[in-house]
Amino acid sequence: MQSDMQTGPSTYGAGTQGIALAQQRVLRNTYLLLALTMVPTVAGALIGINTASIIIQNPILNFILMLGGVIGLQFAIAANRNNGFGVVLLLGMTFLLGWFLGPLLSVALALKNGPQLIGVAAGGTGIVLFVMGLIATTTRRDFSFMGKFLFVGMIVLLLALVANMFLQIPALALTISALVVVVFSLFLLHDLSRIVNGGETNYIMATTGVFLSLFNIFANLLHLLMALTGEKD
């Protein structure tokens, strides 16, 4: 009896430590895979810059096709999250999104200070990732309660974005971009918190969510910088 009482807390502590190590492993693998996704993203972006006219000619149709492709790939990634093909599908999705960045990047590069704005947007996105990661890992608070509200906000912004493709209201476009940066920054906190607290145990799915948040933050932050501080020749 005495032996059981002595080994009980030790067993519990070992179990708790094992869970913590598993969560750290998922977080580490997520960051490593996230770094790997930058390769096809940059490759896709370079191709997108040189083929920007394809997207610009039919922006609404190409946006719908891209959105459908990304959603389809997300389902495929989820179905293959426990095998290597899930990583291949994720890298394919990042390539597609990188390609879709082409027109935005080509417009930015046409500005006098375009390269600097791209650098600032990338740096700002990195800062958001660092801050949200710091909050998630230091507070260890569960932010999963934000999931439903953020999903509704994302749908509303998506509908507003599609509507403004027809309306072409500059002020509305800037407002949408600003709100997208806020919403997906909170999505990033939500996803990182789930990893830290054990709500997400698959690094492929974790990386998918984190990448999509970073993509939206970068693209819309760059759009804001171009509109507010862009210098034309």
C-alpha atoms as a PDB file:
ATOM      1  CA  MET A   1       0.000   0.000   0.000  1.00  0.00           C
ATOM      2  CA  GLN A   2       2.781   2.351   0.950  1.00  0.00           C
ATOM      3  CA  SER A   3       4.610   1.501  -2.284  1.00  0.00           C
ATOM      4  CA  ASP A   4       1.495   2.359  -4.328  1.00  0.00           C
ATOM      5  CA  MET A   5       1.157   5.699  -2.577  1.00  0.00           C
ATOM      6  CA  GLN A   6       4.780   6.539  -3.275  1.00  0.00           C
ATOM      7  CA  THR A   7       4.741   5.581  -6.949  1.00  0.00           C
ATOM      8  CA  GLY A   8       1.357   7.171  -7.736  1.00  0.00           C
ATOM      9  CA  PRO A   9       2.481  10.825  -7.782  1.00  0.00           C
ATOM     10  CA  SER A  10       5.684   9.855  -9.590  1.00  0.00           C
ATOM     11  CA  THR A  11       3.702   8.083 -12.308  1.00  0.00           C
ATOM     12  CA  TYR A  12       1.380  11.092 -12.634  1.00  0.00           C
ATOM     13  CA  GLY A  13       4.355  13.450 -12.890  1.00  0.00           C
ATOM     14  CA  ALA A  14       5.965  11.307 -15.551  1.00  0.00           C
ATOM     15  CA  GLY A  15       2.700  11.268 -17.503  1.00  0.00           C
ATOM     16  CA  THR A  16       2.369  15.043 -17.269  1.00  0.00           C
ATOM     17  CA  GLN A  17       5.959  15.485 -18.401  1.00  0.00           C
ATOM     18  CA  GLY A  18       5.319  13.154 -21.333  1.00  0.00           C
ATOM     19  CA  ILE A  19       2.334  15.239 -22.431  1.00  0.00           C
ATOM     20  CA  ALA A  20       4.395  18.438 -22.195  1.00  0.00           C
ATOM     21  CA  LEU A  21       7.174  16.895 -24.291  1.00  0.00           C
ATOM     22  CA  ALA A  22       4.648  15.771 -26.893  1.00  0.00           C
ATOM     23  CA  GLN A  23       3.234  19.298 -27.132  1.00  0.00           C
ATOM     24  CA  GLN A  24       6.732  20.753 -27.492  1.00  0.00           C
ATOM     25  CA  ARG A  25       7.465  18.232 -30.245  1.00  0.00           C
ATOM     26  CA  VAL A  26       4.338  19.226 -32.167  1.00  0.00           C
ATOM     27  CA  LEU A  27       5.241  22.914 -31.819  1.00  0.00           C
ATOM     28  CA  ARG A  28       8.832  22.294 -32.937  1.00  0.00           C
ATOM     29  CA  ASN A  29       7.762  20.202 -35.927  1.00  0.00           C
ATOM     30  CA  THR A  30       5.194  22.841 -36.846  1.00  0.00           C
ATOM     31  CA  TYR A  31       7.860  25.558 -36.975  1.00  0.00           C
ATOM     32  CA  LEU A  32      10.213  23.321 -38.968  1.00  0.00           C
ATOM     33  CA  LEU A  33       7.538  22.433 -41.522  1.00  0.00           C
ATOM     34  CA  LEU A  34       6.466  26.076 -41.639  1.00  0.00           C
ATOM     35  CA  ALA A  35      10.038  27.018 -42.589  1.00  0.00           C
ATOM     36  CA  LEU A  36       9.956  24.367 -45.331  1.00  0.00           C
ATOM     37  CA  THR A  37       6.721  25.791 -46.765  1.00  0.00           C
ATOM     38  CA  MET A  38       8.560  29.024 -47.544  1.00  0.00           C
ATOM     39  CA  VAL A  39      10.425  27.258 -50.390  1.00  0.00           C
ATOM     40  CA  PRO A  40       7.370  26.420 -52.582  1.00  0.00           C
ATOM     41  CA  THR A  41       5.722  29.688 -51.540  1.00  0.00           C
ATOM     42  CA  VAL A  42       8.636  31.750 -52.843  1.00  0.00           C
ATOM     43  CA  ALA A  43       8.892  29.564 -55.952  1.00  0.00           C
ATOM     44  CA  GLY A  44       5.174  30.018 -56.617  1.00  0.00           C
ATOM     45  CA  ALA A  45       5.451  33.766 -56.035  1.00  0.00           C
ATOM     46  CA  LEU A  46       8.309  34.093 -58.556  1.00  0.00           C
ATOM     47  CA  ILE A  47       6.272  32.243 -61.160  1.00  0.00           C
ATOM     48  CA  GLY A  48       3.216  34.294 -60.220  1.00  0.00           C
ATOM     49  CA  ILE A  49       5.072  37.557 -60.808  1.00  0.00           C
ATOM     50  CA  ASN A  50       5.965  36.457 -64.334  1.00  0.00           C
ATOM     51  CA  THR A  51       2.457  35.167 -65.074  1.00  0.00           C
ATOM     52  CA  ALA A  52       0.483  37.875 -63.259  1.00  0.00           C
ATOM     53  CA  SER A  53      -1.455  38.729 -66.428  1.00  0.00           C
ATOM     54  CA  ILE A  54      -3.223  35.341 -66.266  1.00  0.00           C
ATOM     55  CA  ILE A  55      -4.773  36.214 -62.902  1.00  0.00           C
ATOM     56  CA  ILE A  56      -5.356  39.901 -63.675  1.00  0.00           C
ATOM     57  CA  GLN A  57      -7.361  39.132 -66.833  1.00  0.00           C
ATOM     58  CA  ASN A  58     -10.058  37.285 -64.848  1.00  0.00           C
ATOM     59  CA  PRO A  59      -9.516  38.219 -61.172  1.00  0.00           C
ATOM     60  CA  ILE A  60     -12.921  37.103 -59.870  1.00  0.00           C
ATOM     61  CA  LEU A  61     -12.920  33.762 -61.693  1.00  0.00           C
ATOM     62  CA  ASN A  62      -9.324  33.036 -60.673  1.00  0.00           C
ATOM     63  CA  PHE A  63     -10.053  33.989 -57.070  1.00  0.00           C
ATOM     64  CA  ILE A  64     -12.973  31.553 -56.965  1.00  0.00           C
ATOM     65  CA  LEU A  65     -10.865  28.810 -58.557  1.00  0.00           C
ATOM     66  CA  MET A  66      -8.005  29.479 -56.141  1.00  0.00           C
ATOM     67  CA  LEU A  67     -10.358  29.472 -53.156  1.00  0.00           C
ATOM     68  CA  GLY A  68     -11.932  26.202 -54.294  1.00  0.00           C
ATOM     69  CA  GLY A  69      -8.497  24.676 -54.831  1.00  0.00           C
ATOM     70  CA  VAL A  70      -7.269  25.715 -51.387  1.00  0.00           C
ATOM     71  CA  ILE A  71     -10.413  24.402 -49.667  1.00  0.00           C
ATOM     72  CA  GLY A  72     -10.131  21.122 -51.571  1.00  0.00           C
ATOM     73  CA  LEU A  73      -6.457  20.805 -50.627  1.00  0.00           C
ATOM     74  CA  GLN A  74      -7.292  21.449 -46.979  1.00  0.00           C
ATOM     75  CA  PHE A  75      -9.721  18.512 -46.995  1.00  0.00           C
ATOM     76  CA  ALA A  76      -7.089  16.365 -48.723  1.00  0.00           C
ATOM     77  CA  ILE A  77      -4.448  17.407 -46.197  1.00  0.00           C
ATOM     78  CA  ALA A  78      -6.779  16.524 -43.325  1.00  0.00           C
ATOM     79  CA  ALA A  79      -7.443  13.106 -44.865  1.00  0.00           C
ATOM     80  CA  ASN A  80      -3.687  12.465 -45.169  1.00  0.00           C
ATOM     81  CA  ARG A  81      -2.530  14.185 -41.984  1.00  0.00           C
ATOM     82  CA  ASN A  82      -0.971  11.006 -40.614  1.00  0.00           C
ATOM     83  CA  ASN A  83       1.247  10.192 -43.603  1.00  0.00           C
ATOM     84  CA  GLY A  84       3.899  11.837 -45.738  1.00  0.00           C
ATOM     85  CA  PHE A  85       1.495  12.619 -48.577  1.00  0.00           C
ATOM     86  CA  GLY A  86      -0.107  15.189 -46.290  1.00  0.00           C
ATOM     87  CA  VAL A  87       3.162  17.127 -46.312  1.00  0.00           C
ATOM     88  CA  VAL A  88       3.283  16.948 -50.129  1.00  0.00           C
ATOM     89  CA  LEU A  89      -0.265  18.294 -50.356  1.00  0.00           C
ATOM     90  CA  LEU A  90       0.558  21.084 -47.900  1.00  0.00           C
ATOM     91  CA  LEU A  91       3.579  22.123 -49.942  1.00  0.00           C
ATOM     92  CA  GLY A  92       1.386  22.072 -53.057  1.00  0.00           C
ATOM     93  CA  MET A  93      -1.110  24.370 -51.366  1.00  0.00           C
ATOM     94  CA  THR A  94       1.621  26.810 -50.374  1.00  0.00           C
ATOM     95  CA  PHE A  95       2.899  26.837 -53.958  1.00  0.00           C
ATOM     96  CA  LEU A  96      -0.607  27.657 -55.220  1.00  0.00           C
ATOM     97  CA  LEU A  97      -1.022  30.488 -52.726  1.00  0.00           C
ATOM     98  CA  GLY A  98       2.453  31.790 -53.553  1.00  0.00           C
ATOM     99  CA  TRP A  99       1.505  31.851 -57.236  1.00  0.00           C
ATOM    100  CA  PHE A 100      -1.687  33.752 -56.409  1.00  0.00           C
ATOM    101  CA  LEU A 101       0.437  36.417 -54.669  1.00  0.00           C
ATOM    102  CA  GLY A 102       2.073  37.168 -58.033  1.00  0.00           C
ATOM    103  CA  PRO A 103      -0.132  40.105 -59.119  1.00  0.00           C
ATOM    104  CA  LEU A 104       0.088  41.808 -55.714  1.00  0.00           C
ATOM    105  CA  LEU A 105       3.861  41.438 -55.650  1.00  0.00           C
ATOM    106  CA  SER A 106       4.211  42.639 -59.252  1.00  0.00           C
ATOM    107  CA  VAL A 107       2.246  45.804 -58.420  1.00  0.00           C
ATOM    108  CA  ALA A 108       4.352  46.313 -55.297  1.00  0.00           C
ATOM    109  CA  LEU A 109       7.597  45.907 -57.247  1.00  0.00           C
ATOM    110  CA  ALA A 110       6.411  48.543 -59.716  1.00  0.00           C
ATOM    111  CA  LEU A 111       6.430  51.099 -56.895  1.00  0.00           C
ATOM    112  CA  LYS A 112       9.541  53.125 -56.165  1.00  0.00           C
ATOM    113  CA  ASN A 113       9.717  51.762 -52.621  1.00  0.00           C
ATOM    114  CA  GLY A 114       8.085  48.423 -53.459  1.00  0.00           C
ATOM    115  CA  PRO A 115      10.926  46.110 -52.340  1.00  0.00           C
ATOM    116  CA  GLN A 116      11.101  47.930 -49.002  1.00  0.00           C
ATOM    117  CA  LEU A 117       7.341  47.586 -48.508  1.00  0.00           C
ATOM    118  CA  ILE A 118       7.544  43.840 -49.197  1.00  0.00           C
ATOM    119  CA  GLY A 119      10.334  43.594 -46.635  1.00  0.00           C
ATOM    120  CA  VAL A 120       8.342  45.571 -44.065  1.00  0.00           C
ATOM    121  CA  ALA A 121       5.259  43.392 -44.642  1.00  0.00           C
ATOM    122  CA  ALA A 122       7.352  40.233 -44.240  1.00  0.00           C
ATOM    123  CA  GLY A 123       9.018  41.622 -41.109  1.00  0.00           C
ATOM    124  CA  GLY A 124       5.668  42.704 -39.679  1.00  0.00           C
ATOM    125  CA  THR A 125       4.242  39.239 -40.298  1.00  0.00           C
ATOM    126  CA  GLY A 126       7.238  37.723 -38.520  1.00  0.00           C
ATOM    127  CA  ILE A 127       6.715  40.034 -35.550  1.00  0.00           C
ATOM    128  CA  VAL A 128       3.052  39.016 -35.316  1.00  0.00           C
ATOM    129  CA  LEU A 129       4.087  35.343 -35.330  1.00  0.00           C
ATOM    130  CA  PHE A 130       6.675  35.977 -32.603  1.00  0.00           C
ATOM    131  CA  VAL A 131       4.278  37.952 -30.394  1.00  0.00           C
ATOM    132  CA  MET A 132       1.404  35.498 -30.722  1.00  0.00           C
ATOM    133  CA  GLY A 133       3.748  32.566 -30.138  1.00  0.00           C
ATOM    134  CA  LEU A 134       5.140  34.295 -27.046  1.00  0.00           C
ATOM    135  CA  ILE A 135       1.659  34.935 -25.665  1.00  0.00           C
ATOM    136  CA  ALA A 136       0.587  31.338 -26.307  1.00  0.00           C
ATOM    137  CA  THR A 137       3.674  29.747 -24.744  1.00  0.00           C
ATOM    138  CA  THR A 138       4.097  32.058 -21.752  1.00  0.00           C
ATOM    139  CA  THR A 139       0.481  32.427 -20.640  1.00  0.00           C
ATOM    140  CA  ARG A 140      -0.539  28.888 -21.694  1.00  0.00           C
ATOM    141  CA  ARG A 141      -4.095  30.206 -21.701  1.00  0.00           C
ATOM    142  CA  ASP A 142      -6.657  28.323 -23.749  1.00  0.00           C
ATOM    143  CA  PHE A 143      -7.872  30.626 -26.535  1.00  0.00           C
ATOM    144  CA  SER A 144      -9.939  27.968 -28.276  1.00  0.00           C
ATOM    145  CA  PHE A 145     -13.113  29.816 -27.227  1.00  0.00           C
ATOM    146  CA  MET A 146     -12.358  32.358 -29.979  1.00  0.00           C
ATOM    147  CA  GLY A 147     -12.644  29.753 -32.739  1.00  0.00           C
ATOM    148  CA  LYS A 148     -16.333  30.140 -33.581  1.00  0.00           C
ATOM    149  CA  PHE A 149     -16.248  33.959 -33.476  1.00  0.00           C
ATOM    150  CA  LEU A 150     -13.158  34.092 -35.672  1.00  0.00           C
ATOM    151  CA  PHE A 151     -14.673  31.663 -38.185  1.00  0.00           C
ATOM    152  CA  VAL A 152     -17.804  33.819 -38.479  1.00  0.00           C
ATOM    153  CA  GLY A 153     -15.623  36.912 -38.851  1.00  0.00           C
ATOM    154  CA  MET A 154     -13.623  35.206 -41.596  1.00  0.00           C
ATOM    155  CA  ILE A 155     -16.786  34.324 -43.537  1.00  0.00           C
ATOM    156  CA  VAL A 156     -18.104  37.880 -43.249  1.00  0.00           C
ATOM    157  CA  LEU A 157     -14.795  39.301 -44.487  1.00  0.00           C
ATOM    158  CA  LEU A 158     -14.719  36.815 -47.351  1.00  0.00           C
ATOM    159  CA  LEU A 159     -18.203  37.879 -48.462  1.00  0.00           C
ATOM    160  CA  ALA A 160     -17.226  41.542 -48.155  1.00  0.00           C
ATOM    161  CA  LEU A 161     -14.099  40.885 -50.232  1.00  0.00           C
ATOM    162  CA  VAL A 162     -16.091  39.211 -53.010  1.00  0.00           C
ATOM    163  CA  ALA A 163     -18.676  42.021 -52.953  1.00  0.00           C
ATOM    164  CA  ASN A 164     -15.975  44.660 -53.237  1.00  0.00           C
ATOM    165  CA  MET A 165     -14.586  42.947 -56.333  1.00  0.00           C
ATOM    166  CA  PHE A 166     -17.730  44.261 -58.018  1.00  0.00           C
ATOM    167  CA  LEU A 167     -18.117  47.514 -56.033  1.00  0.00           C
ATOM    168  CA  GLN A 168     -14.443  48.561 -56.242  1.00  0.00           C
ATOM    169  CA  ILE A 169     -14.593  50.895 -53.224  1.00  0.00           C
ATOM    170  CA  PRO A 170     -11.015  51.772 -52.137  1.00  0.00           C
ATOM    171  CA  ALA A 171     -11.980  52.694 -48.558  1.00  0.00           C
ATOM    172  CA  LEU A 172     -13.824  49.396 -48.129  1.00  0.00           C
ATOM    173  CA  ALA A 173     -10.843  47.489 -49.508  1.00  0.00           C
ATOM    174  CA  LEU A 174      -8.554  49.114 -46.932  1.00  0.00           C
ATOM    175  CA  THR A 175     -11.023  48.410 -44.135  1.00  0.00           C
ATOM    176  CA  ILE A 176     -11.275  44.758 -45.163  1.00  0.00           C
ATOM    177  CA  SER A 177      -7.479  44.420 -45.266  1.00  0.00           C
ATOM    178  CA  ALA A 178      -7.098  45.962 -41.807  1.00  0.00           C
ATOM    179  CA  LEU A 179      -9.754  43.641 -40.358  1.00  0.00           C
ATOM    180  CA  VAL A 180      -8.187  40.604 -42.064  1.00  0.00           C
ATOM    181  CA  VAL A 181      -4.855  41.391 -40.369  1.00  0.00           C
ATOM    182  CA  VAL A 182      -6.602  41.571 -36.988  1.00  0.00           C
ATOM    183  CA  VAL A 183      -8.759  38.465 -37.460  1.00  0.00           C
ATOM    184  CA  PHE A 184      -5.941  36.262 -38.719  1.00  0.00           C
ATOM    185  CA  SER A 185      -3.560  37.510 -36.031  1.00  0.00           C
ATOM    186  CA  LEU A 186      -6.113  36.241 -33.517  1.00  0.00           C
ATOM    187  CA  PHE A 187      -6.479  33.032 -35.561  1.00  0.00           C
ATOM    188  CA  LEU A 188      -2.720  32.623 -35.221  1.00  0.00           C
ATOM    189  CA  LEU A 189      -2.964  32.997 -31.436  1.00  0.00           C
ATOM    190  CA  HIS A 190      -5.857  30.540 -31.409  1.00  0.00           C
ATOM    191  CA  ASP A 191      -3.936  27.908 -33.395  1.00  0.00           C
ATOM    192  CA  LEU A 192      -0.672  28.282 -31.464  1.00  0.00           C
ATOM    193  CA  SER A 193      -2.587  28.100 -28.184  1.00  0.00           C
ATOM    194  CA  ARG A 194      -4.196  24.839 -29.291  1.00  0.00           C
ATOM    195  CA  ILE A 195      -0.759  23.375 -29.983  1.00  0.00           C
ATOM    196  CA  VAL A 196       0.691  24.519 -26.665  1.00  0.00           C
ATOM    197  CA  ASN A 197      -2.293  23.230 -24.691  1.00  0.00           C
ATOM    198  CA  GLY A 198      -2.580  19.914 -26.522  1.00  0.00           C
ATOM    199  CA  GLY A 199      -5.708  20.746 -28.519  1.00  0.00           C
ATOM    200  CA  GLU A 200      -3.855  20.075 -31.776  1.00  0.00           C
ATOM    201  CA  THR A 201      -1.563  17.055 -31.810  1.00  0.00           C
ATOM    202  CA  ASN A 202      -0.865  16.782 -35.550  1.00  0.00           C
ATOM    203  CA  TYR A 203       1.912  19.040 -36.815  1.00  0.00           C
ATOM    204  CA  ILE A 204       0.724  18.887 -40.453  1.00  0.00           C
ATOM    205  CA  MET A 205      -2.701  20.261 -39.528  1.00  0.00           C
ATOM    206  CA  ALA A 206      -1.097  22.764 -37.165  1.00  0.00           C
ATOM    207  CA  THR A 207       1.222  24.021 -39.902  1.00  0.00           C
ATOM    208  CA  THR A 208      -1.690  24.328 -42.346  1.00  0.00           C
ATOM    209  CA  GLY A 209      -3.580  26.634 -39.993  1.00  0.00           C
ATOM    210  CA  VAL A 210      -0.548  28.715 -39.061  1.00  0.00           C
ATOM    211  CA  PHE A 211       0.537  29.120 -42.698  1.00  0.00           C
ATOM    212  CA  LEU A 212      -2.895  30.294 -43.837  1.00  0.00           C
ATOM    213  CA  SER A 213      -2.943  32.899 -41.065  1.00  0.00           C
ATOM    214  CA  LEU A 214       0.545  34.148 -41.967  1.00  0.00           C
ATOM    215  CA  PHE A 215      -0.337  34.256 -45.679  1.00  0.00           C
ATOM    216  CA  ASN A 216      -3.393  36.421 -45.059  1.00  0.00           C
ATOM    217  CA  ILE A 217      -1.549  38.699 -42.650  1.00  0.00           C
ATOM    218  CA  PHE A 218       1.315  39.270 -45.101  1.00  0.00           C
ATOM    219  CA  ALA A 219      -0.868  39.838 -48.180  1.00  0.00           C
ATOM    220  CA  ASN A 220      -3.198  42.299 -46.465  1.00  0.00           C
ATOM    221  CA  LEU A 221      -0.440  44.075 -44.567  1.00  0.00           C
ATOM    222  CA  LEU A 222       1.357  44.598 -47.885  1.00  0.00           C
ATOM    223  CA  HIS A 223      -1.860  45.895 -49.443  1.00  0.00           C
ATOM    224  CA  LEU A 224      -2.238  48.437 -46.631  1.00  0.00           C
ATOM    225  CA  LEU A 225       1.381  49.555 -46.903  1.00  0.00           C
ATOM    226  CA  MET A 226       1.107  49.968 -50.671  1.00  0.00           C
ATOM    227  CA  ALA A 227      -2.081  52.026 -50.392  1.00  0.00           C
ATOM    228  CA  LEU A 228      -0.860  54.243 -47.565  1.00  0.00           C
ATOM    229  CA  THR A 229       2.876  54.637 -48.214  1.00  0.00           C
ATOM    230  CA  GLY A 230       3.486  53.442 -51.778  1.00  0.00           C
ATOM    231  CA  GLU A 231       5.591  55.768 -53.924  1.00  0.00           C
ATOM    232  CA  LYS A 232       4.953  55.774 -57.668  1.00  0.00           C
ATOM    233  CA  ASP A 233       7.715  56.698 -60.093  1.00  0.00           C
END
